[in-house]
Amino acid sequence: MRVGVKVTGHLIDLCSATHVDLDEGACVDAALGALGIPPAQVGLVSVNGEAVPKAKRAEMVLRESDEMVVMAPLTGG
């Protein structure tokens, strides 16, 4: 299955993909792994506009044509 991907912030240096091809039943964590983005570098993930908490990334099953946004942690001062 194909899932759309948008990567933001400094994570663009790690991944510039616009989609990821996954096996049926793959979760958000599997998608991050397939994209080569280390989980510790991810701030927020949303799927179809809804935030996916870090604790739910291994449970959230993706579906064909889902849109996933991967954001770097917010920093500043």
PDB file of N, CA and C in Angstrom:
ATOM      1  N   MET A   1       0.845  -1.172   0.000  1.00  0.00           N
ATOM      2  CA  MET A   1       0.000   0.000   0.000  1.00  0.00           C
ATOM      3  C   MET A   1       0.889   1.233   0.000  1.00  0.00           C
ATOM      4  N   ARG A   2       0.369   2.320  -0.492  1.00  0.00           N
ATOM      5  CA  ARG A   2       1.124   3.575  -0.574  1.00  0.00           C
ATOM      6  C   ARG A   2       0.489   4.614   0.355  1.00  0.00           C
ATOM      7  N   VAL A   3       1.354   5.233   1.171  1.00  0.00           N
ATOM      8  CA  VAL A   3       0.935   6.273   2.115  1.00  0.00           C
ATOM      9  C   VAL A   3       1.673   7.556   1.751  1.00  0.00           C
ATOM     10  N   GLY A   4       0.947   8.660   1.658  1.00  0.00           N
ATOM     11  CA  GLY A   4       1.565   9.956   1.387  1.00  0.00           C
ATOM     12  C   GLY A   4       2.346  10.428   2.607  1.00  0.00           C
ATOM     13  N   VAL A   5       3.436  11.137   2.364  1.00  0.00           N
ATOM     14  CA  VAL A   5       4.302  11.597   3.445  1.00  0.00           C
ATOM     15  C   VAL A   5       4.695  13.049   3.211  1.00  0.00           C
ATOM     16  N   LYS A   6       4.655  13.838   4.289  1.00  0.00           N
ATOM     17  CA  LYS A   6       5.211  15.186   4.278  1.00  0.00           C
ATOM     18  C   LYS A   6       6.102  15.287   5.510  1.00  0.00           C
ATOM     19  N   VAL A   7       7.374  15.614   5.298  1.00  0.00           N
ATOM     20  CA  VAL A   7       8.340  15.738   6.378  1.00  0.00           C
ATOM     21  C   VAL A   7       8.681  17.214   6.525  1.00  0.00           C
ATOM     22  N   THR A   8       8.758  17.701   7.771  1.00  0.00           N
ATOM     23  CA  THR A   8       9.022  19.112   8.007  1.00  0.00           C
ATOM     24  C   THR A   8      10.266  19.314   8.873  1.00  0.00           C
ATOM     25  N   GLY A   9      10.689  20.564   8.951  1.00  0.00           N
ATOM     26  CA  GLY A   9      11.815  20.932   9.804  1.00  0.00           C
ATOM     27  C   GLY A   9      13.109  20.281   9.362  1.00  0.00           C
ATOM     28  N   HIS A  10      14.009  20.087  10.315  1.00  0.00           N
ATOM     29  CA  HIS A  10      15.317  19.516   9.995  1.00  0.00           C
ATOM     30  C   HIS A  10      15.241  18.064   9.532  1.00  0.00           C
ATOM     31  N   LEU A  11      14.082  17.434   9.707  1.00  0.00           N
ATOM     32  CA  LEU A  11      13.930  16.042   9.260  1.00  0.00           C
ATOM     33  C   LEU A  11      14.005  15.924   7.742  1.00  0.00           C
ATOM     34  N   ILE A  12      13.810  17.048   7.049  1.00  0.00           N
ATOM     35  CA  ILE A  12      13.922  17.039   5.588  1.00  0.00           C
ATOM     36  C   ILE A  12      15.322  16.595   5.174  1.00  0.00           C
ATOM     37  N   ASP A  13      16.315  16.891   6.026  1.00  0.00           N
ATOM     38  CA  ASP A  13      17.682  16.463   5.721  1.00  0.00           C
ATOM     39  C   ASP A  13      17.816  14.939   5.757  1.00  0.00           C
ATOM     40  N   LEU A  14      16.951  14.276   6.511  1.00  0.00           N
ATOM     41  CA  LEU A  14      16.983  12.820   6.630  1.00  0.00           C
ATOM     42  C   LEU A  14      16.098  12.126   5.604  1.00  0.00           C
ATOM     43  N   CYS A  15      15.040  12.809   5.194  1.00  0.00           N
ATOM     44  CA  CYS A  15      14.053  12.167   4.327  1.00  0.00           C
ATOM     45  C   CYS A  15      13.325  13.210   3.492  1.00  0.00           C
ATOM     46  N   SER A  16      13.365  13.044   2.199  1.00  0.00           N
ATOM     47  CA  SER A  16      12.635  13.965   1.318  1.00  0.00           C
ATOM     48  C   SER A  16      11.537  13.232   0.542  1.00  0.00           C
ATOM     49  N   ALA A  17      11.158  12.063   1.016  1.00  0.00           N
ATOM     50  CA  ALA A  17      10.145  11.245   0.332  1.00  0.00           C
ATOM     51  C   ALA A  17       8.775  11.922   0.368  1.00  0.00           C
ATOM     52  N   THR A  18       7.992  11.679  -0.655  1.00  0.00           N
ATOM     53  CA  THR A  18       6.616  12.176  -0.703  1.00  0.00           C
ATOM     54  C   THR A  18       5.622  11.050  -0.457  1.00  0.00           C
ATOM     55  N   HIS A  19       6.121   9.830  -0.418  1.00  0.00           N
ATOM     56  CA  HIS A  19       5.271   8.667  -0.124  1.00  0.00           C
ATOM     57  C   HIS A  19       6.158   7.526   0.379  1.00  0.00           C
ATOM     58  N   VAL A  20       5.506   6.532   0.953  1.00  0.00           N
ATOM     59  CA  VAL A  20       6.211   5.326   1.381  1.00  0.00           C
ATOM     60  C   VAL A  20       5.324   4.127   1.046  1.00  0.00           C
ATOM     61  N   ASP A  21       5.929   3.080   0.526  1.00  0.00           N
ATOM     62  CA  ASP A  21       5.208   1.844   0.211  1.00  0.00           C
ATOM     63  C   ASP A  21       5.410   0.870   1.363  1.00  0.00           C
ATOM     64  N   LEU A  22       4.301   0.390   1.906  1.00  0.00           N
ATOM     65  CA  LEU A  22       4.319  -0.470   3.091  1.00  0.00           C
ATOM     66  C   LEU A  22       3.460  -1.706   2.860  1.00  0.00           C
ATOM     67  N   ASP A  23       3.685  -2.726   3.683  1.00  0.00           N
ATOM     68  CA  ASP A  23       2.810  -3.890   3.673  1.00  0.00           C
ATOM     69  C   ASP A  23       1.471  -3.517   4.310  1.00  0.00           C
ATOM     70  N   GLU A  24       0.424  -4.189   3.885  1.00  0.00           N
ATOM     71  CA  GLU A  24      -0.892  -3.975   4.501  1.00  0.00           C
ATOM     72  C   GLU A  24      -0.785  -4.200   6.001  1.00  0.00           C
ATOM     73  N   GLY A  25      -1.445  -3.367   6.791  1.00  0.00           N
ATOM     74  CA  GLY A  25      -1.445  -3.519   8.237  1.00  0.00           C
ATOM     75  C   GLY A  25      -0.261  -2.870   8.927  1.00  0.00           C
ATOM     76  N   ALA A  26       0.582  -2.164   8.166  1.00  0.00           N
ATOM     77  CA  ALA A  26       1.747  -1.503   8.764  1.00  0.00           C
ATOM     78  C   ALA A  26       1.300  -0.342   9.651  1.00  0.00           C
ATOM     79  N   CYS A  27       2.095  -0.098  10.687  1.00  0.00           N
ATOM     80  CA  CYS A  27       1.776   0.975  11.637  1.00  0.00           C
ATOM     81  C   CYS A  27       2.652   2.198  11.372  1.00  0.00           C
ATOM     82  N   VAL A  28       2.392   3.256  12.100  1.00  0.00           N
ATOM     83  CA  VAL A  28       3.146   4.499  11.968  1.00  0.00           C
ATOM     84  C   VAL A  28       4.625   4.261  12.246  1.00  0.00           C
ATOM     85  N   ASP A  29       4.952   3.503  13.292  1.00  0.00           N
ATOM     86  CA  ASP A  29       6.353   3.221  13.597  1.00  0.00           C
ATOM     87  C   ASP A  29       7.045   2.514  12.424  1.00  0.00           C
ATOM     88  N   ALA A  30       6.341   1.601  11.772  1.00  0.00           N
ATOM     89  CA  ALA A  30       6.915   0.899  10.619  1.00  0.00           C
ATOM     90  C   ALA A  30       7.175   1.884   9.480  1.00  0.00           C
ATOM     91  N   ALA A  31       6.282   2.830   9.290  1.00  0.00           N
ATOM     92  CA  ALA A  31       6.470   3.834   8.241  1.00  0.00           C
ATOM     93  C   ALA A  31       7.680   4.704   8.542  1.00  0.00           C
ATOM     94  N   LEU A  32       7.835   5.119   9.802  1.00  0.00           N
ATOM     95  CA  LEU A  32       8.998   5.920  10.174  1.00  0.00           C
ATOM     96  C   LEU A  32      10.281   5.144   9.918  1.00  0.00           C
ATOM     97  N   GLY A  33      10.282   3.859  10.266  1.00  0.00           N
ATOM     98  CA  GLY A  33      11.453   3.018  10.014  1.00  0.00           C
ATOM     99  C   GLY A  33      11.754   2.898   8.533  1.00  0.00           C
ATOM    100  N   ALA A  34      10.717   2.716   7.728  1.00  0.00           N
ATOM    101  CA  ALA A  34      10.906   2.588   6.286  1.00  0.00           C
ATOM    102  C   ALA A  34      11.440   3.880   5.674  1.00  0.00           C
ATOM    103  N   LEU A  35      11.097   4.997   6.292  1.00  0.00           N
ATOM    104  CA  LEU A  35      11.586   6.289   5.816  1.00  0.00           C
ATOM    105  C   LEU A  35      12.987   6.604   6.316  1.00  0.00           C
ATOM    106  N   GLY A  36      13.480   5.825   7.280  1.00  0.00           N
ATOM    107  CA  GLY A  36      14.810   6.047   7.826  1.00  0.00           C
ATOM    108  C   GLY A  36      14.892   7.205   8.804  1.00  0.00           C
ATOM    109  N   ILE A  37      13.765   7.523   9.423  1.00  0.00           N
ATOM    110  CA  ILE A  37      13.736   8.617  10.389  1.00  0.00           C
ATOM    111  C   ILE A  37      13.816   8.032  11.796  1.00  0.00           C
ATOM    112  N   PRO A  38      14.869   8.365  12.555  1.00  0.00           N
ATOM    113  CA  PRO A  38      14.990   7.842  13.916  1.00  0.00           C
ATOM    114  C   PRO A  38      13.850   8.359  14.806  1.00  0.00           C
ATOM    115  N   PRO A  39      13.156   7.461  15.512  1.00  0.00           N
ATOM    116  CA  PRO A  39      12.019   7.881  16.346  1.00  0.00           C
ATOM    117  C   PRO A  39      12.367   8.989  17.335  1.00  0.00           C
ATOM    118  N   ALA A  40      13.590   8.997  17.847  1.00  0.00           N
ATOM    119  CA  ALA A  40      13.982  10.025  18.819  1.00  0.00           C
ATOM    120  C   ALA A  40      14.022  11.419  18.194  1.00  0.00           C
ATOM    121  N   GLN A  41      14.070  11.503  16.882  1.00  0.00           N
ATOM    122  CA  GLN A  41      14.142  12.797  16.202  1.00  0.00           C
ATOM    123  C   GLN A  41      12.764  13.325  15.808  1.00  0.00           C
ATOM    124  N   VAL A  42      11.724  12.538  16.052  1.00  0.00           N
ATOM    125  CA  VAL A  42      10.369  12.915  15.644  1.00  0.00           C
ATOM    126  C   VAL A  42       9.655  13.609  16.787  1.00  0.00           C
ATOM    127  N   GLY A  43       9.062  14.768  16.482  1.00  0.00           N
ATOM    128  CA  GLY A  43       8.294  15.493  17.486  1.00  0.00           C
ATOM    129  C   GLY A  43       6.829  15.091  17.445  1.00  0.00           C
ATOM    130  N   LEU A  44       6.205  15.264  16.295  1.00  0.00           N
ATOM    131  CA  LEU A  44       4.771  14.995  16.153  1.00  0.00           C
ATOM    132  C   LEU A  44       4.522  14.283  14.836  1.00  0.00           C
ATOM    133  N   VAL A  45       3.615  13.336  14.879  1.00  0.00           N
ATOM    134  CA  VAL A  45       3.153  12.666  13.670  1.00  0.00           C
ATOM    135  C   VAL A  45       1.643  12.842  13.607  1.00  0.00           C
ATOM    136  N   SER A  46       1.150  13.180  12.424  1.00  0.00           N
ATOM    137  CA  SER A  46      -0.290  13.200  12.235  1.00  0.00           C
ATOM    138  C   SER A  46      -0.637  12.340  11.029  1.00  0.00           C
ATOM    139  N   VAL A  47      -1.799  11.732  11.096  1.00  0.00           N
ATOM    140  CA  VAL A  47      -2.314  10.925   9.993  1.00  0.00           C
ATOM    141  C   VAL A  47      -3.682  11.480   9.639  1.00  0.00           C
ATOM    142  N   ASN A  48      -3.812  11.912   8.410  1.00  0.00           N
ATOM    143  CA  ASN A  48      -5.066  12.512   7.927  1.00  0.00           C
ATOM    144  C   ASN A  48      -5.513  13.662   8.826  1.00  0.00           C
ATOM    145  N   GLY A  49      -4.539  14.443   9.295  1.00  0.00           N
ATOM    146  CA  GLY A  49      -4.835  15.636  10.086  1.00  0.00           C
ATOM    147  C   GLY A  49      -5.038  15.409  11.569  1.00  0.00           C
ATOM    148  N   GLU A  50      -4.932  14.174  12.028  1.00  0.00           N
ATOM    149  CA  GLU A  50      -5.109  13.879  13.450  1.00  0.00           C
ATOM    150  C   GLU A  50      -3.796  13.436  14.068  1.00  0.00           C
ATOM    151  N   ALA A  51      -3.423  14.078  15.180  1.00  0.00           N
ATOM    152  CA  ALA A  51      -2.173  13.750  15.861  1.00  0.00           C
ATOM    153  C   ALA A  51      -2.188  12.309  16.351  1.00  0.00           C
ATOM    154  N   VAL A  52      -1.042  11.656  16.232  1.00  0.00           N
ATOM    155  CA  VAL A  52      -0.864  10.295  16.728  1.00  0.00           C
ATOM    156  C   VAL A  52       0.151  10.368  17.872  1.00  0.00           C
ATOM    157  N   PRO A  53      -0.298  10.199  19.115  1.00  0.00           N
ATOM    158  CA  PRO A  53       0.637  10.265  20.249  1.00  0.00           C
ATOM    159  C   PRO A  53       1.733   9.216  20.123  1.00  0.00           C
ATOM    160  N   LYS A  54       2.889   9.541  20.653  1.00  0.00           N
ATOM    161  CA  LYS A  54       4.051   8.638  20.584  1.00  0.00           C
ATOM    162  C   LYS A  54       3.689   7.237  21.082  1.00  0.00           C
ATOM    163  N   ALA A  55       2.913   7.158  22.141  1.00  0.00           N
ATOM    164  CA  ALA A  55       2.539   5.866  22.724  1.00  0.00           C
ATOM    165  C   ALA A  55       1.630   5.046  21.812  1.00  0.00           C
ATOM    166  N   LYS A  56       1.016   5.670  20.805  1.00  0.00           N
ATOM    167  CA  LYS A  56       0.078   4.972  19.916  1.00  0.00           C
ATOM    168  C   LYS A  56       0.662   4.666  18.538  1.00  0.00           C
ATOM    169  N   ARG A  57       1.897   5.094  18.285  1.00  0.00           N
ATOM    170  CA  ARG A  57       2.477   4.922  16.946  1.00  0.00           C
ATOM    171  C   ARG A  57       2.643   3.461  16.543  1.00  0.00           C
ATOM    172  N   ALA A  58       2.863   2.581  17.504  1.00  0.00           N
ATOM    173  CA  ALA A  58       3.009   1.157  17.184  1.00  0.00           C
ATOM    174  C   ALA A  58       1.652   0.494  16.956  1.00  0.00           C
ATOM    175  N   GLU A  59       0.585   1.144  17.398  1.00  0.00           N
ATOM    176  CA  GLU A  59      -0.769   0.583  17.272  1.00  0.00           C
ATOM    177  C   GLU A  59      -1.552   1.160  16.104  1.00  0.00           C
ATOM    178  N   MET A  60      -1.219   2.374  15.688  1.00  0.00           N
ATOM    179  CA  MET A  60      -1.980   3.071  14.645  1.00  0.00           C
ATOM    180  C   MET A  60      -1.693   2.449  13.290  1.00  0.00           C
ATOM    181  N   VAL A  61      -2.672   1.713  12.765  1.00  0.00           N
ATOM    182  CA  VAL A  61      -2.522   1.036  11.479  1.00  0.00           C
ATOM    183  C   VAL A  61      -2.830   2.024  10.355  1.00  0.00           C
ATOM    184  N   LEU A  62      -1.946   2.063   9.385  1.00  0.00           N
ATOM    185  CA  LEU A  62      -2.128   2.932   8.231  1.00  0.00           C
ATOM    186  C   LEU A  62      -2.915   2.205   7.150  1.00  0.00           C
ATOM    187  N   ARG A  63      -3.559   3.005   6.306  1.00  0.00           N
ATOM    188  CA  ARG A  63      -4.348   2.448   5.204  1.00  0.00           C
ATOM    189  C   ARG A  63      -3.920   3.097   3.893  1.00  0.00           C
ATOM    190  N   GLU A  64      -4.180   2.429   2.811  1.00  0.00           N
ATOM    191  CA  GLU A  64      -3.895   2.956   1.473  1.00  0.00           C
ATOM    192  C   GLU A  64      -4.402   4.396   1.361  1.00  0.00           C
ATOM    193  N   SER A  65      -3.562   5.260   0.829  1.00  0.00           N
ATOM    194  CA  SER A  65      -3.878   6.674   0.571  1.00  0.00           C
ATOM    195  C   SER A  65      -3.939   7.553   1.816  1.00  0.00           C
ATOM    196  N   ASP A  66      -3.591   7.036   3.001  1.00  0.00           N
ATOM    197  CA  ASP A  66      -3.485   7.908   4.169  1.00  0.00           C
ATOM    198  C   ASP A  66      -2.416   8.955   3.886  1.00  0.00           C
ATOM    199  N   GLU A  67      -2.516  10.077   4.571  1.00  0.00           N
ATOM    200  CA  GLU A  67      -1.526  11.142   4.475  1.00  0.00           C
ATOM    201  C   GLU A  67      -0.896  11.322   5.850  1.00  0.00           C
ATOM    202  N   MET A  68       0.404  11.135   5.924  1.00  0.00           N
ATOM    203  CA  MET A  68       1.128  11.230   7.179  1.00  0.00           C
ATOM    204  C   MET A  68       2.070  12.430   7.141  1.00  0.00           C
ATOM    205  N   VAL A  69       2.023  13.258   8.197  1.00  0.00           N
ATOM    206  CA  VAL A  69       2.943  14.387   8.338  1.00  0.00           C
ATOM    207  C   VAL A  69       3.857  14.076   9.521  1.00  0.00           C
ATOM    208  N   VAL A  70       5.161  14.231   9.293  1.00  0.00           N
ATOM    209  CA  VAL A  70       6.165  13.956  10.312  1.00  0.00           C
ATOM    210  C   VAL A  70       6.889  15.269  10.609  1.00  0.00           C
ATOM    211  N   MET A  71       6.789  15.728  11.857  1.00  0.00           N
ATOM    212  CA  MET A  71       7.374  17.008  12.240  1.00  0.00           C
ATOM    213  C   MET A  71       8.509  16.814  13.236  1.00  0.00           C
ATOM    214  N   ALA A  72       9.506  17.647  13.069  1.00  0.00           N
ATOM    215  CA  ALA A  72      10.614  17.666  14.036  1.00  0.00           C
ATOM    216  C   ALA A  72      10.127  18.267  15.353  1.00  0.00           C
ATOM    217  N   PRO A  73      10.790  17.962  16.456  1.00  0.00           N
ATOM    218  CA  PRO A  73      10.399  18.586  17.732  1.00  0.00           C
ATOM    219  C   PRO A  73      10.550  20.106  17.638  1.00  0.00           C
ATOM    220  N   LEU A  74       9.637  20.795  18.266  1.00  0.00           N
ATOM    221  CA  LEU A  74       9.714  22.254  18.306  1.00  0.00           C
ATOM    222  C   LEU A  74      10.752  22.680  19.331  1.00  0.00           C
ATOM    223  N   THR A  75      11.583  23.589  18.936  1.00  0.00           N
ATOM    224  CA  THR A  75      12.597  24.120  19.846  1.00  0.00           C
ATOM    225  C   THR A  75      12.606  25.633  19.725  1.00  0.00           C
ATOM    226  N   GLY A  76      13.199  26.248  20.645  1.00  0.00           N
ATOM    227  CA  GLY A  76      13.304  27.701  20.572  1.00  0.00           C
ATOM    228  C   GLY A  76      13.484  28.289  21.942  1.00  0.00           C
ATOM    229  N   GLY A  77      13.502  29.560  21.972  1.00  0.00           N
ATOM    230  CA  GLY A  77      13.712  30.190  23.264  1.00  0.00           C
ATOM    231  C   GLY A  77      13.309  31.623  23.249  1.00  0.00           C
TER     232      GLY A  77
END
